Amino acid sequence: YHSRLGPNHPETIWIYFEKALITKKLGQYDKALTFMEDTINSLSNEVGNNHINLIRAKYEKAILFKEKGEIAKAEKQLKQVSEQYSRILKDHHPDTLAAFSALATVYETRTRYAEAVEMYQKIEKLQAEALGPSAPQRLQTINLLADIYRLQARYPEAKKLLDENLTKITAQFGENHHFALL
């Protein structure tokens, strides 16, 4: 790509981002972060701030921050990414929902349970609208919401959600499905 398209072509830049993801998988977080930041800067200059690949790169940077334990940085980045995805792709898009979910886990990590609950409730509602009430993704989100209730010692609410969810899961997938066995 580099010799044929040039160093500033978005496809060439994206190859460097792929390198960042591989470097991250190898546990070389600081090196991966440098590659990601270079990619984000190059994409921003070449395609503008609302290009989907730029937003995806920022999302992965937020996840890297989260994996490094830099939770405040992850939260800040995920808020920006969630807003951009929401504006460009709309709330029901899988990438937007993934960003919302990552943000909810950051809130949970920071023991900001009320915000995590609010985010999981929003995700669950959007998933129900987009995917239907029995979608596996929605059922998983309900389990995550119940877990937050458990962490808050809201045991009756957690039990109610889990019982309702288990009924849906066994009806849809059977008693021996891994969702039902969790």
C-alpha atoms as a PDB file:
ATOM      1  CA  TYR A   1       0.000   0.000   0.000  1.00  0.00           C
ATOM      2  CA  HIS A   2       2.723   2.437   0.985  1.00  0.00           C
ATOM      3  CA  SER A   3       4.494   2.404  -2.383  1.00  0.00           C
ATOM      4  CA  ARG A   4       1.354   2.216  -4.497  1.00  0.00           C
ATOM      5  CA  LEU A   5      -1.002   4.549  -2.651  1.00  0.00           C
ATOM      6  CA  GLY A   6       1.434   6.732  -0.758  1.00  0.00           C
ATOM      7  CA  PRO A   7       2.109   7.172   2.955  1.00  0.00           C
ATOM      8  CA  ASN A   8      -0.884   9.436   3.620  1.00  0.00           C
ATOM      9  CA  HIS A   9      -3.566   7.377   1.911  1.00  0.00           C
ATOM     10  CA  PRO A  10      -6.232   6.211   4.419  1.00  0.00           C
ATOM     11  CA  GLU A  11      -5.643   2.553   3.495  1.00  0.00           C
ATOM     12  CA  THR A  12      -1.909   2.915   4.181  1.00  0.00           C
ATOM     13  CA  ILE A  13      -2.627   4.651   7.473  1.00  0.00           C
ATOM     14  CA  TRP A  14      -5.050   1.871   8.434  1.00  0.00           C
ATOM     15  CA  ILE A  15      -2.304  -0.735   7.943  1.00  0.00           C
ATOM     16  CA  TYR A  16      -0.357   1.040  10.693  1.00  0.00           C
ATOM     17  CA  PHE A  17      -3.423   0.873  12.882  1.00  0.00           C
ATOM     18  CA  GLU A  18      -3.654  -2.876  12.305  1.00  0.00           C
ATOM     19  CA  LYS A  19      -0.028  -3.023  13.436  1.00  0.00           C
ATOM     20  CA  ALA A  20      -1.047  -1.155  16.599  1.00  0.00           C
ATOM     21  CA  LEU A  21      -3.733  -3.761  17.342  1.00  0.00           C
ATOM     22  CA  ILE A  22      -1.263  -6.613  16.912  1.00  0.00           C
ATOM     23  CA  THR A  23       1.278  -4.816  19.086  1.00  0.00           C
ATOM     24  CA  LYS A  24      -1.425  -4.420  21.756  1.00  0.00           C
ATOM     25  CA  LYS A  25      -2.197  -8.151  21.591  1.00  0.00           C
ATOM     26  CA  LEU A  26       1.493  -8.790  22.222  1.00  0.00           C
ATOM     27  CA  GLY A  27       1.179  -6.783  25.442  1.00  0.00           C
ATOM     28  CA  GLN A  28       3.345  -3.910  24.201  1.00  0.00           C
ATOM     29  CA  TYR A  29       0.860  -1.267  25.302  1.00  0.00           C
ATOM     30  CA  ASP A  30       3.077   1.815  25.158  1.00  0.00           C
ATOM     31  CA  LYS A  31       4.279   0.981  21.659  1.00  0.00           C
ATOM     32  CA  ALA A  32       0.698   0.227  20.571  1.00  0.00           C
ATOM     33  CA  LEU A  33      -0.453   3.541  22.023  1.00  0.00           C
ATOM     34  CA  THR A  34       2.170   5.386  19.981  1.00  0.00           C
ATOM     35  CA  PHE A  35       1.021   3.613  16.799  1.00  0.00           C
ATOM     36  CA  MET A  36      -2.608   4.413  17.625  1.00  0.00           C
ATOM     37  CA  GLU A  37      -1.904   8.075  18.286  1.00  0.00           C
ATOM     38  CA  ASP A  38       0.055   8.329  15.019  1.00  0.00           C
ATOM     39  CA  THR A  39      -2.842   6.687  13.189  1.00  0.00           C
ATOM     40  CA  ILE A  40      -5.404   8.993  14.801  1.00  0.00           C
ATOM     41  CA  ASN A  41      -3.371  12.097  13.939  1.00  0.00           C
ATOM     42  CA  SER A  42      -2.803  10.955  10.342  1.00  0.00           C
ATOM     43  CA  LEU A  43      -6.435   9.979   9.801  1.00  0.00           C
ATOM     44  CA  SER A  44      -7.621  13.231  11.308  1.00  0.00           C
ATOM     45  CA  ASN A  45      -5.485  15.158   8.828  1.00  0.00           C
ATOM     46  CA  GLU A  46      -6.462  13.026   5.825  1.00  0.00           C
ATOM     47  CA  VAL A  47     -10.147  12.175   6.289  1.00  0.00           C
ATOM     48  CA  GLY A  48     -11.476  14.542   8.953  1.00  0.00           C
ATOM     49  CA  ASN A  49     -12.736  14.061  12.485  1.00  0.00           C
ATOM     50  CA  ASN A  50     -16.038  12.358  11.612  1.00  0.00           C
ATOM     51  CA  HIS A  51     -14.658   9.504   9.503  1.00  0.00           C
ATOM     52  CA  ILE A  52     -15.718   6.114  10.823  1.00  0.00           C
ATOM     53  CA  ASN A  53     -12.186   4.688  10.795  1.00  0.00           C
ATOM     54  CA  LEU A  54     -10.963   7.576  12.913  1.00  0.00           C
ATOM     55  CA  ILE A  55     -13.726   6.956  15.450  1.00  0.00           C
ATOM     56  CA  ARG A  56     -12.919   3.218  15.491  1.00  0.00           C
ATOM     57  CA  ALA A  57      -9.264   4.045  16.134  1.00  0.00           C
ATOM     58  CA  LYS A  58     -10.270   6.288  19.045  1.00  0.00           C
ATOM     59  CA  TYR A  59     -12.475   3.499  20.413  1.00  0.00           C
ATOM     60  CA  GLU A  60      -9.569   1.048  20.342  1.00  0.00           C
ATOM     61  CA  LYS A  61      -7.373   3.637  22.042  1.00  0.00           C
ATOM     62  CA  ALA A  62      -9.955   3.899  24.828  1.00  0.00           C
ATOM     63  CA  ILE A  63      -9.988   0.122  25.216  1.00  0.00           C
ATOM     64  CA  LEU A  64      -6.192   0.177  25.401  1.00  0.00           C
ATOM     65  CA  PHE A  65      -6.357   2.768  28.181  1.00  0.00           C
ATOM     66  CA  LYS A  66      -8.846   0.551  29.999  1.00  0.00           C
ATOM     67  CA  GLU A  67      -6.597  -2.499  29.661  1.00  0.00           C
ATOM     68  CA  LYS A  68      -3.626  -0.473  30.948  1.00  0.00           C
ATOM     69  CA  GLY A  69      -5.677   0.538  33.992  1.00  0.00           C
ATOM     70  CA  GLU A  70      -5.842   4.182  32.936  1.00  0.00           C
ATOM     71  CA  ILE A  71      -9.555   4.308  33.635  1.00  0.00           C
ATOM     72  CA  ALA A  72      -9.992   8.107  33.689  1.00  0.00           C
ATOM     73  CA  LYS A  73      -8.424   8.369  30.230  1.00  0.00           C
ATOM     74  CA  ALA A  74     -10.552   5.475  28.999  1.00  0.00           C
ATOM     75  CA  GLU A  75     -13.698   7.154  30.301  1.00  0.00           C
ATOM     76  CA  LYS A  76     -12.905  10.475  28.657  1.00  0.00           C
ATOM     77  CA  GLN A  77     -12.150   8.808  25.313  1.00  0.00           C
ATOM     78  CA  LEU A  78     -15.227   6.553  25.485  1.00  0.00           C
ATOM     79  CA  LYS A  79     -17.514   9.500  26.175  1.00  0.00           C
ATOM     80  CA  GLN A  80     -16.197  11.229  23.054  1.00  0.00           C
ATOM     81  CA  VAL A  81     -16.434   8.074  20.954  1.00  0.00           C
ATOM     82  CA  SER A  82     -19.966   7.312  22.201  1.00  0.00           C
ATOM     83  CA  GLU A  83     -21.094  10.824  21.307  1.00  0.00           C
ATOM     84  CA  GLN A  84     -19.555  10.612  17.834  1.00  0.00           C
ATOM     85  CA  TYR A  85     -20.970   7.155  17.109  1.00  0.00           C
ATOM     86  CA  SER A  86     -24.365   8.246  18.388  1.00  0.00           C
ATOM     87  CA  ARG A  87     -24.347  11.325  16.181  1.00  0.00           C
ATOM     88  CA  ILE A  88     -23.023   9.636  13.040  1.00  0.00           C
ATOM     89  CA  LEU A  89     -24.223   6.021  13.225  1.00  0.00           C
ATOM     90  CA  LYS A  90     -27.166   6.578  15.605  1.00  0.00           C
ATOM     91  CA  ASP A  91     -27.802   4.830  18.910  1.00  0.00           C
ATOM     92  CA  HIS A  92     -28.999   1.459  17.583  1.00  0.00           C
ATOM     93  CA  HIS A  93     -25.808   0.728  15.611  1.00  0.00           C
ATOM     94  CA  PRO A  94     -23.681  -2.140  17.011  1.00  0.00           C
ATOM     95  CA  ASP A  95     -20.562   0.061  17.233  1.00  0.00           C
ATOM     96  CA  THR A  96     -22.472   2.659  19.236  1.00  0.00           C
ATOM     97  CA  LEU A  97     -23.849  -0.001  21.553  1.00  0.00           C
ATOM     98  CA  ALA A  98     -20.347  -1.440  22.021  1.00  0.00           C
ATOM     99  CA  ALA A  99     -19.038   2.003  22.998  1.00  0.00           C
ATOM    100  CA  PHE A 100     -21.941   2.487  25.420  1.00  0.00           C
ATOM    101  CA  SER A 101     -21.229  -0.929  26.933  1.00  0.00           C
ATOM    102  CA  ALA A 102     -17.520  -0.201  27.326  1.00  0.00           C
ATOM    103  CA  LEU A 103     -18.414   3.069  29.037  1.00  0.00           C
ATOM    104  CA  ALA A 104     -20.771   1.200  31.390  1.00  0.00           C
ATOM    105  CA  THR A 105     -17.947  -1.153  32.376  1.00  0.00           C
ATOM    106  CA  VAL A 106     -15.727   1.862  33.085  1.00  0.00           C
ATOM    107  CA  TYR A 107     -18.419   3.260  35.377  1.00  0.00           C
ATOM    108  CA  GLU A 108     -18.621  -0.123  37.078  1.00  0.00           C
ATOM    109  CA  THR A 109     -14.836  -0.236  37.507  1.00  0.00           C
ATOM    110  CA  ARG A 110     -14.939   3.206  39.107  1.00  0.00           C
ATOM    111  CA  THR A 111     -17.789   2.001  41.398  1.00  0.00           C
ATOM    112  CA  ARG A 112     -20.119   4.578  39.884  1.00  0.00           C
ATOM    113  CA  TYR A 113     -22.939   2.106  39.883  1.00  0.00           C
ATOM    114  CA  ALA A 114     -25.800   4.549  39.325  1.00  0.00           C
ATOM    115  CA  GLU A 115     -24.193   5.645  36.049  1.00  0.00           C
ATOM    116  CA  ALA A 116     -23.507   2.029  35.081  1.00  0.00           C
ATOM    117  CA  VAL A 117     -27.146   1.123  35.755  1.00  0.00           C
ATOM    118  CA  GLU A 118     -28.356   4.065  33.697  1.00  0.00           C
ATOM    119  CA  MET A 119     -26.093   3.101  30.796  1.00  0.00           C
ATOM    120  CA  TYR A 120     -27.035  -0.605  30.884  1.00  0.00           C
ATOM    121  CA  GLN A 121     -30.733   0.326  30.989  1.00  0.00           C
ATOM    122  CA  LYS A 122     -30.227   2.536  27.934  1.00  0.00           C
ATOM    123  CA  ILE A 123     -28.356  -0.238  26.101  1.00  0.00           C
ATOM    124  CA  GLU A 124     -31.014  -2.817  26.999  1.00  0.00           C
ATOM    125  CA  LYS A 125     -33.798  -0.572  25.699  1.00  0.00           C
ATOM    126  CA  LEU A 126     -31.952   0.121  22.443  1.00  0.00           C
ATOM    127  CA  GLN A 127     -31.194  -3.581  21.969  1.00  0.00           C
ATOM    128  CA  ALA A 128     -34.845  -4.496  22.555  1.00  0.00           C
ATOM    129  CA  GLU A 129     -35.907  -1.966  19.909  1.00  0.00           C
ATOM    130  CA  ALA A 130     -33.248  -2.927  17.372  1.00  0.00           C
ATOM    131  CA  LEU A 131     -32.877  -6.664  17.927  1.00  0.00           C
ATOM    132  CA  GLY A 132     -36.045  -7.782  19.677  1.00  0.00           C
ATOM    133  CA  PRO A 133     -36.798  -8.745  23.274  1.00  0.00           C
ATOM    134  CA  SER A 134     -35.126 -12.172  23.100  1.00  0.00           C
ATOM    135  CA  ALA A 135     -31.887 -11.193  21.360  1.00  0.00           C
ATOM    136  CA  PRO A 136     -28.860 -12.826  23.019  1.00  0.00           C
ATOM    137  CA  GLN A 137     -27.088  -9.464  23.258  1.00  0.00           C
ATOM    138  CA  ARG A 138     -30.029  -7.994  25.156  1.00  0.00           C
ATOM    139  CA  LEU A 139     -30.206 -10.986  27.492  1.00  0.00           C
ATOM    140  CA  GLN A 140     -26.484 -10.583  28.238  1.00  0.00           C
ATOM    141  CA  THR A 141     -26.997  -6.883  28.981  1.00  0.00           C
ATOM    142  CA  ILE A 142     -29.769  -7.773  31.426  1.00  0.00           C
ATOM    143  CA  ASN A 143     -27.354 -10.140  33.184  1.00  0.00           C
ATOM    144  CA  LEU A 144     -24.797  -7.320  33.430  1.00  0.00           C
ATOM    145  CA  LEU A 145     -27.455  -5.002  34.843  1.00  0.00           C
ATOM    146  CA  ALA A 146     -28.418  -7.624  37.420  1.00  0.00           C
ATOM    147  CA  ASP A 147     -24.760  -7.918  38.387  1.00  0.00           C
ATOM    148  CA  ILE A 148     -24.611  -4.166  39.066  1.00  0.00           C
ATOM    149  CA  TYR A 149     -27.736  -4.496  41.216  1.00  0.00           C
ATOM    150  CA  ARG A 150     -25.975  -7.299  43.129  1.00  0.00           C
ATOM    151  CA  LEU A 151     -22.927  -5.073  43.683  1.00  0.00           C
ATOM    152  CA  GLN A 152     -25.268  -2.417  45.095  1.00  0.00           C
ATOM    153  CA  ALA A 153     -26.885  -4.990  47.409  1.00  0.00           C
ATOM    154  CA  ARG A 154     -30.152  -4.584  45.493  1.00  0.00           C
ATOM    155  CA  TYR A 155     -30.694  -8.324  45.732  1.00  0.00           C
ATOM    156  CA  PRO A 156     -34.469  -8.514  45.119  1.00  0.00           C
ATOM    157  CA  GLU A 157     -34.114  -6.494  41.891  1.00  0.00           C
ATOM    158  CA  ALA A 158     -31.122  -8.571  40.759  1.00  0.00           C
ATOM    159  CA  LYS A 159     -32.972 -11.825  41.480  1.00  0.00           C
ATOM    160  CA  LYS A 160     -36.087 -10.671  39.646  1.00  0.00           C
ATOM    161  CA  LEU A 161     -34.080  -9.716  36.536  1.00  0.00           C
ATOM    162  CA  LEU A 162     -32.127 -12.964  36.582  1.00  0.00           C
ATOM    163  CA  ASP A 163     -35.241 -15.103  37.076  1.00  0.00           C
ATOM    164  CA  GLU A 164     -37.028 -13.360  34.179  1.00  0.00           C
ATOM    165  CA  ASN A 165     -33.939 -13.652  32.035  1.00  0.00           C
ATOM    166  CA  LEU A 166     -33.458 -17.330  32.819  1.00  0.00           C
ATOM    167  CA  THR A 167     -37.055 -18.010  31.804  1.00  0.00           C
ATOM    168  CA  LYS A 168     -36.466 -16.262  28.450  1.00  0.00           C
ATOM    169  CA  ILE A 169     -33.145 -18.001  27.907  1.00  0.00           C
ATOM    170  CA  THR A 170     -34.417 -21.513  28.621  1.00  0.00           C
ATOM    171  CA  ALA A 171     -37.513 -20.926  26.475  1.00  0.00           C
ATOM    172  CA  GLN A 172     -35.412 -19.706  23.576  1.00  0.00           C
ATOM    173  CA  PHE A 173     -32.265 -21.837  23.842  1.00  0.00           C
ATOM    174  CA  GLY A 174     -33.128 -24.780  26.123  1.00  0.00           C
ATOM    175  CA  GLU A 175     -32.042 -25.726  29.615  1.00  0.00           C
ATOM    176  CA  ASN A 176     -28.600 -26.953  28.545  1.00  0.00           C
ATOM    177  CA  HIS A 177     -27.542 -23.858  26.605  1.00  0.00           C
ATOM    178  CA  HIS A 178     -24.496 -22.119  28.079  1.00  0.00           C
ATOM    179  CA  PHE A 179     -26.547 -18.956  28.734  1.00  0.00           C
ATOM    180  CA  ALA A 180     -28.911 -20.995  30.922  1.00  0.00           C
ATOM    181  CA  LEU A 181     -26.054 -22.687  32.776  1.00  0.00           C
ATOM    182  CA  LEU A 182     -24.270 -19.482  33.803  1.00  0.00           C
END
